Amino acid sequence: MIITFGSINVDFMFQLNEMPRAGQTLLANDFHTGAGGKGGNQALAAARDGAEVLMYGAVGTDALAQIGLSNLEQVANITRIERLTEPTGCASVYTDSHGNNMIAVASGANLHASSDVIEDTDLQSANIVLMQMENKPEEVEKLIRRTHASKALAILNLAPAYRLPEDVLSLCDLIVVNEDEAEALATWVNCPPDAESLSKCLNTGILRTLGGEGAEAFMDGQFIQMKAVAVDVKDTTGAGDCFVGVLASALDKGMTLGQAMERASVAAAIACTKTGSQQTIPMAKETDQFIASHRV
């Protein structure tokens, strides 16, 4: 089982030919709303890949809450999610004709979600605890410490990049970062931004995604590198979250880190061929079919 403690948002998505400049107003080609948030996205990705997922987080009592939970409730256990007086988190997502995106987030209830509500019995039953940085950092830190004291694997997606104490980061079993987040982390711990250097500095596993160049990881003395899966990219929104969620699912199933990275790369590539956020995350069958059809 995977416990995900993370953010739950509603995304307001605008499709544009190009990104607006400061002070500029542009007419969107398309607009729609959908569920989002790094926690929700990653939990959904893991659940659609076949994992048993127990989601912890918070939403408001407003009309947006149901939108934020609409996909998760179909595949994951959402009974532990708090309902608070603060508004449900939301984000505005702008995507241009090249598939690039810009995102602004209003955290709302996410910053009031407590990791203390995670039950000890759930924590003891979990194989993996998956966390991101769109909740209050203090709550993430507490959960990392609790997870380290349990038998569960602590996976932290350090996104967005927010500085946690080095001793807390070292309690994680695996930290997942993109190139920008790796640069920030490297500055904090005073070492190069590659996966092996960061891993040795923090004495923990590091996985660095490299966009179109693939991904690299260093864990337990092993270096893993892989190329990106070649697809026709339409929209990269949520692809990173898809990668992390499927990675956790694959590890939960007993795959090696290298095998998990391969499966996660395929799922993320599939997500990039579609437009949107959670609606682009593939089911396990779709990922399996892609792998089968491209196997030599």
Protein backbone atom coordinates (compact mmCIF):
# COMPACT_ATOMS: atom_id res chain seq x y z
CA MET A 1 0.00 0.00 0.00
CA ILE A 2 1.08 3.57 -0.71
CA ILE A 3 0.20 6.46 1.60
CA THR A 4 0.25 9.80 -0.19
CA PHE A 5 0.26 12.97 1.90
CA GLY A 6 -0.08 15.87 -0.46
CA SER A 7 -1.92 18.70 -2.13
CA ILE A 8 -5.32 18.53 -3.78
CA ASN A 9 -6.20 21.33 -6.20
CA VAL A 10 -8.62 22.29 -8.90
CA ASP A 11 -6.83 23.37 -12.09
CA PHE A 12 -8.12 26.16 -14.33
CA MET A 13 -6.44 25.36 -17.65
CA PHE A 14 -5.96 27.84 -20.48
CA GLN A 15 -4.68 26.81 -23.92
CA LEU A 16 -2.84 29.67 -25.67
CA ASN A 17 -0.80 30.13 -28.81
CA GLU A 18 1.90 31.82 -26.75
CA MET A 19 2.47 32.85 -23.14
CA PRO A 20 1.29 36.35 -22.15
CA ARG A 21 3.89 38.97 -21.36
CA ALA A 22 3.64 41.22 -18.32
CA GLY A 23 0.61 43.49 -18.68
CA GLN A 24 -0.66 41.63 -21.75
CA THR A 25 -4.13 40.09 -22.12
CA LEU A 26 -4.54 37.20 -24.57
CA LEU A 27 -7.60 35.25 -25.63
CA ALA A 28 -7.34 31.53 -24.91
CA ASN A 29 -8.08 28.97 -27.61
CA ASP A 30 -9.58 26.62 -25.05
CA PHE A 31 -10.39 26.45 -21.34
CA HIS A 32 -11.46 23.75 -18.93
CA THR A 33 -11.28 22.83 -15.28
CA GLY A 34 -9.96 19.62 -13.78
CA ALA A 35 -8.57 18.02 -10.65
CA GLY A 36 -4.91 18.61 -9.86
CA GLY A 37 -2.34 19.24 -7.15
CA LYS A 38 0.93 17.33 -6.91
CA GLY A 39 -0.37 15.05 -4.17
CA GLY A 40 -3.58 14.25 -5.98
CA ASN A 41 -1.83 13.80 -9.32
CA GLN A 42 0.77 11.41 -7.94
CA ALA A 43 -1.76 9.45 -5.90
CA LEU A 44 -3.95 9.08 -8.99
CA ALA A 45 -1.00 7.99 -11.13
CA ALA A 46 -0.05 5.31 -8.62
CA ALA A 47 -3.64 4.11 -8.26
CA ARG A 48 -4.27 4.00 -12.01
CA ASP A 49 -1.09 1.95 -12.31
CA GLY A 50 -2.65 -0.62 -10.01
CA ALA A 51 -1.38 0.35 -6.55
CA GLU A 52 -3.53 0.46 -3.44
CA VAL A 53 -3.41 4.13 -2.47
CA LEU A 54 -4.54 5.81 0.74
CA MET A 55 -4.69 9.58 0.30
CA TYR A 56 -4.19 12.07 3.11
CA GLY A 57 -4.63 15.80 2.58
CA ALA A 58 -7.23 18.54 2.87
CA VAL A 59 -9.91 20.28 0.84
CA GLY A 60 -12.49 22.92 1.69
CA THR A 61 -16.23 22.55 2.05
CA ASP A 62 -16.75 24.59 -1.12
CA ALA A 63 -17.97 23.50 -4.53
CA LEU A 64 -14.40 23.04 -5.78
CA ALA A 65 -13.75 20.18 -3.37
CA GLN A 66 -15.79 17.68 -5.36
CA ILE A 67 -13.97 18.62 -8.56
CA GLY A 68 -10.64 18.14 -6.82
CA LEU A 69 -11.62 14.67 -5.61
CA SER A 70 -13.60 13.51 -8.65
CA ASN A 71 -10.88 11.33 -10.18
CA LEU A 72 -9.28 10.14 -6.95
CA GLU A 73 -12.53 8.84 -5.53
CA GLN A 74 -12.79 6.37 -8.41
CA VAL A 75 -9.48 4.58 -7.76
CA ALA A 76 -8.05 5.56 -4.36
CA ASN A 77 -9.13 5.58 -0.72
CA ILE A 78 -10.03 9.21 0.10
CA THR A 79 -11.77 8.60 3.44
CA ARG A 80 -8.91 10.16 5.40
CA ILE A 81 -8.97 13.51 3.58
CA GLU A 82 -9.81 16.42 5.90
CA ARG A 83 -12.66 18.85 5.12
CA LEU A 84 -11.65 22.32 6.38
CA THR A 85 -13.13 25.82 6.40
CA GLU A 86 -10.29 27.10 4.20
CA PRO A 87 -10.97 27.08 0.43
CA THR A 88 -9.92 24.16 -1.72
CA GLY A 89 -6.55 24.79 -3.36
CA CYS A 90 -6.57 25.89 -6.97
CA ALA A 91 -4.15 26.59 -9.80
CA SER A 92 -4.18 28.47 -13.10
CA VAL A 93 -2.31 26.55 -15.79
CA TYR A 94 -1.28 28.24 -19.03
CA THR A 95 -0.09 26.00 -21.90
CA ASP A 96 1.26 27.31 -25.20
CA SER A 97 1.30 25.75 -28.66
CA HIS A 98 4.74 24.21 -27.99
CA GLY A 99 3.53 22.30 -24.92
CA ASN A 100 5.26 24.61 -22.44
CA ASN A 101 3.35 25.60 -19.32
CA MET A 102 3.25 28.25 -16.59
CA ILE A 103 1.39 27.67 -13.33
CA ALA A 104 0.21 29.88 -10.46
CA VAL A 105 -1.09 28.16 -7.30
CA ALA A 106 -3.31 29.32 -4.42
CA SER A 107 -2.68 26.70 -1.72
CA GLY A 108 -5.82 27.17 0.37
CA ALA A 109 -6.62 24.13 2.52
CA ASN A 110 -3.39 22.39 1.49
CA LEU A 111 -1.38 24.57 3.87
CA HIS A 112 -3.65 23.53 6.72
CA ALA A 113 -3.46 19.77 6.13
CA SER A 114 -1.99 17.98 9.14
CA SER A 115 0.22 14.90 8.90
CA ASP A 116 -0.69 14.16 12.50
CA VAL A 117 -4.01 12.72 11.32
CA ILE A 118 -2.16 9.87 9.58
CA GLU A 119 -2.99 6.87 11.69
CA ASP A 120 -0.16 4.75 13.11
CA THR A 121 -1.91 1.59 11.91
CA ASP A 122 -2.00 2.96 8.34
CA LEU A 123 1.66 3.94 8.53
CA GLN A 124 2.65 0.50 9.76
CA SER A 125 0.69 -1.13 6.93
CA ALA A 126 2.23 0.97 4.15
CA ASN A 127 5.13 -0.06 1.93
CA ILE A 128 5.69 3.52 0.72
CA VAL A 129 4.91 6.99 1.99
CA LEU A 130 4.92 9.51 -0.86
CA MET A 131 5.29 13.24 -0.14
CA GLN A 132 5.74 16.52 -2.02
CA MET A 133 6.27 20.15 -0.97
CA GLU A 134 2.89 21.78 -1.67
CA ASN A 135 1.84 21.29 1.96
CA LYS A 136 3.23 23.02 5.01
CA PRO A 137 6.95 22.09 5.20
CA GLU A 138 6.73 21.41 8.93
CA GLU A 139 4.07 18.77 8.30
CA VAL A 140 6.19 17.10 5.62
CA GLU A 141 9.19 17.11 7.96
CA LYS A 142 7.20 15.45 10.75
CA LEU A 143 5.97 12.77 8.39
CA ILE A 144 9.47 12.06 7.08
CA ARG A 145 10.60 11.47 10.66
CA ARG A 146 7.62 9.21 11.40
CA THR A 147 8.13 7.25 8.19
CA HIS A 148 11.82 6.74 8.93
CA ALA A 149 10.83 5.20 12.26
CA SER A 150 8.48 2.80 10.46
CA LYS A 151 9.24 0.07 7.91
CA ALA A 152 7.85 2.14 5.02
CA LEU A 153 9.96 3.61 2.25
CA ALA A 154 9.99 7.43 2.40
CA ILE A 155 9.87 9.02 -1.06
CA LEU A 156 10.02 12.81 -1.24
CA ASN A 157 9.39 14.69 -4.45
CA LEU A 158 11.14 17.95 -3.54
CA ALA A 159 8.73 20.02 -5.63
CA PRO A 160 8.44 22.89 -5.49
CA ALA A 161 11.99 23.24 -4.19
CA TYR A 162 11.82 24.21 -0.51
CA ARG A 163 14.73 23.90 1.86
CA LEU A 164 14.38 21.26 4.54
CA PRO A 165 17.14 20.53 7.10
CA GLU A 166 19.85 18.24 5.76
CA ASP A 167 19.34 15.74 8.56
CA VAL A 168 15.65 15.46 7.58
CA LEU A 169 16.46 15.00 3.88
CA SER A 170 18.89 12.25 4.84
CA LEU A 171 16.04 10.35 6.51
CA CYS A 172 14.33 9.93 3.13
CA ASP A 173 14.99 6.73 1.22
CA LEU A 174 14.60 8.44 -2.16
CA ILE A 175 14.40 12.11 -3.16
CA VAL A 176 13.06 12.88 -6.64
CA VAL A 177 14.00 16.20 -8.25
CA ASN A 178 13.97 17.79 -11.69
CA GLU A 179 16.91 19.79 -12.98
CA ASP A 180 15.89 23.08 -11.34
CA GLU A 181 15.15 21.39 -8.02
CA ALA A 182 18.47 19.55 -8.20
CA GLU A 183 20.27 22.88 -8.69
CA ALA A 184 18.54 24.32 -5.61
CA LEU A 185 19.30 21.23 -3.54
CA ALA A 186 22.93 21.31 -4.65
CA THR A 187 23.23 24.92 -3.52
CA TRP A 188 21.86 24.06 -0.08
CA VAL A 189 24.23 21.13 0.50
CA ASN A 190 27.17 22.65 -1.41
CA CYS A 191 27.81 19.93 -4.00
CA PRO A 192 27.32 19.35 -7.74
CA PRO A 193 23.70 18.85 -8.91
CA ASP A 194 24.07 15.39 -10.44
CA ALA A 195 22.32 12.43 -8.80
CA GLU A 196 25.47 10.66 -7.61
CA SER A 197 26.97 13.76 -5.98
CA LEU A 198 23.73 14.69 -4.25
CA SER A 199 23.24 11.12 -3.08
CA LYS A 200 26.70 10.95 -1.54
CA CYS A 201 26.32 14.37 0.09
CA LEU A 202 22.99 13.48 1.69
CA ASN A 203 23.55 9.75 2.15
CA THR A 204 20.22 8.96 0.52
CA GLY A 205 18.89 7.89 -2.86
CA ILE A 206 18.51 10.63 -5.48
CA LEU A 207 16.58 10.49 -8.74
CA ARG A 208 16.97 13.43 -11.11
CA THR A 209 14.64 13.78 -14.09
CA LEU A 210 16.19 15.48 -17.11
CA GLY A 211 13.22 16.28 -19.33
CA GLY A 212 13.91 15.26 -22.90
CA GLU A 213 17.26 13.79 -21.84
CA GLY A 214 15.68 11.13 -19.64
CA ALA A 215 16.56 10.53 -15.99
CA GLU A 216 19.37 9.41 -13.74
CA ALA A 217 19.50 7.98 -10.24
CA PHE A 218 22.02 6.94 -7.63
CA MET A 219 20.90 4.69 -4.79
CA ASP A 220 22.64 2.09 -2.64
CA GLY A 221 25.87 2.58 -4.58
CA GLN A 222 24.22 1.96 -7.96
CA PHE A 223 24.07 4.49 -10.79
CA ILE A 224 21.12 4.21 -13.19
CA GLN A 225 20.68 6.26 -16.36
CA MET A 226 18.03 6.07 -19.04
CA LYS A 227 16.93 7.91 -22.14
CA ALA A 228 13.56 9.63 -22.48
CA VAL A 229 10.81 7.81 -24.38
CA ALA A 230 10.34 9.46 -27.78
CA VAL A 231 6.76 10.68 -28.35
CA ASP A 232 4.94 13.57 -30.01
CA VAL A 233 4.66 16.00 -27.08
CA LYS A 234 1.44 17.99 -26.83
CA ASP A 235 1.45 19.08 -23.17
CA THR A 236 3.92 18.44 -20.35
CA THR A 237 1.52 19.50 -17.58
CA GLY A 238 1.44 16.81 -14.91
CA ALA A 239 3.98 14.56 -16.63
CA GLY A 240 6.43 14.86 -13.74
CA ASP A 241 3.72 13.92 -11.25
CA CYS A 242 2.74 10.97 -13.43
CA PHE A 243 6.37 9.82 -13.40
CA VAL A 244 6.64 10.00 -9.61
CA GLY A 245 3.30 8.27 -8.97
CA VAL A 246 4.00 5.38 -11.34
CA LEU A 247 7.54 5.11 -9.95
CA ALA A 248 6.05 4.63 -6.47
CA SER A 249 3.54 2.10 -7.79
CA ALA A 250 6.24 0.07 -9.51
CA LEU A 251 8.43 0.06 -6.39
CA ASP A 252 5.40 -0.96 -4.34
CA LYS A 253 5.00 -3.96 -6.67
CA GLY A 254 8.58 -5.03 -5.97
CA MET A 255 10.31 -3.75 -9.10
CA THR A 256 13.93 -2.60 -8.91
CA LEU A 257 14.58 1.13 -9.12
CA GLY A 258 15.76 0.75 -12.72
CA GLN A 259 12.65 -1.16 -13.71
CA ALA A 260 10.46 1.35 -11.90
CA MET A 261 12.14 4.25 -13.70
CA GLU A 262 11.54 2.59 -17.06
CA ARG A 263 7.85 2.09 -16.37
CA ALA A 264 7.47 5.60 -14.98
CA SER A 265 9.19 7.06 -18.06
CA VAL A 266 6.73 5.29 -20.36
CA ALA A 267 3.69 6.46 -18.35
CA ALA A 268 4.98 10.05 -18.32
CA ALA A 269 5.62 9.93 -22.06
CA ILE A 270 2.05 8.75 -22.65
CA ALA A 271 0.80 11.66 -20.51
CA CYS A 272 2.75 14.11 -22.68
CA THR A 273 0.87 13.00 -25.79
CA LYS A 274 -2.40 14.34 -24.35
CA THR A 275 -3.60 17.73 -23.18
CA GLY A 276 -4.44 18.47 -19.55
CA SER A 277 -3.41 17.24 -16.12
CA GLN A 278 -5.04 14.27 -14.41
CA GLN A 279 -6.98 13.23 -17.49
CA THR A 280 -3.68 12.48 -19.25
CA ILE A 281 -2.47 9.95 -16.65
CA PRO A 282 -2.65 6.46 -18.17
CA MET A 283 -4.16 3.31 -16.70
CA ALA A 284 -1.85 0.35 -16.16
CA LYS A 285 -3.21 -1.41 -19.25
CA GLU A 286 -2.26 1.52 -21.49
CA THR A 287 1.27 1.57 -20.10
CA ASP A 288 1.56 -2.21 -20.48
CA GLN A 289 0.41 -2.01 -24.09
CA PHE A 290 2.92 0.72 -24.92
CA ILE A 291 5.76 -1.28 -23.36
CA ALA A 292 4.69 -4.44 -25.22
CA SER A 293 4.40 -2.70 -28.58
CA HIS A 294 7.84 -1.07 -28.29
CA ARG A 295 9.69 -4.09 -26.94
CA VAL A 296 12.33 -5.40 -29.31
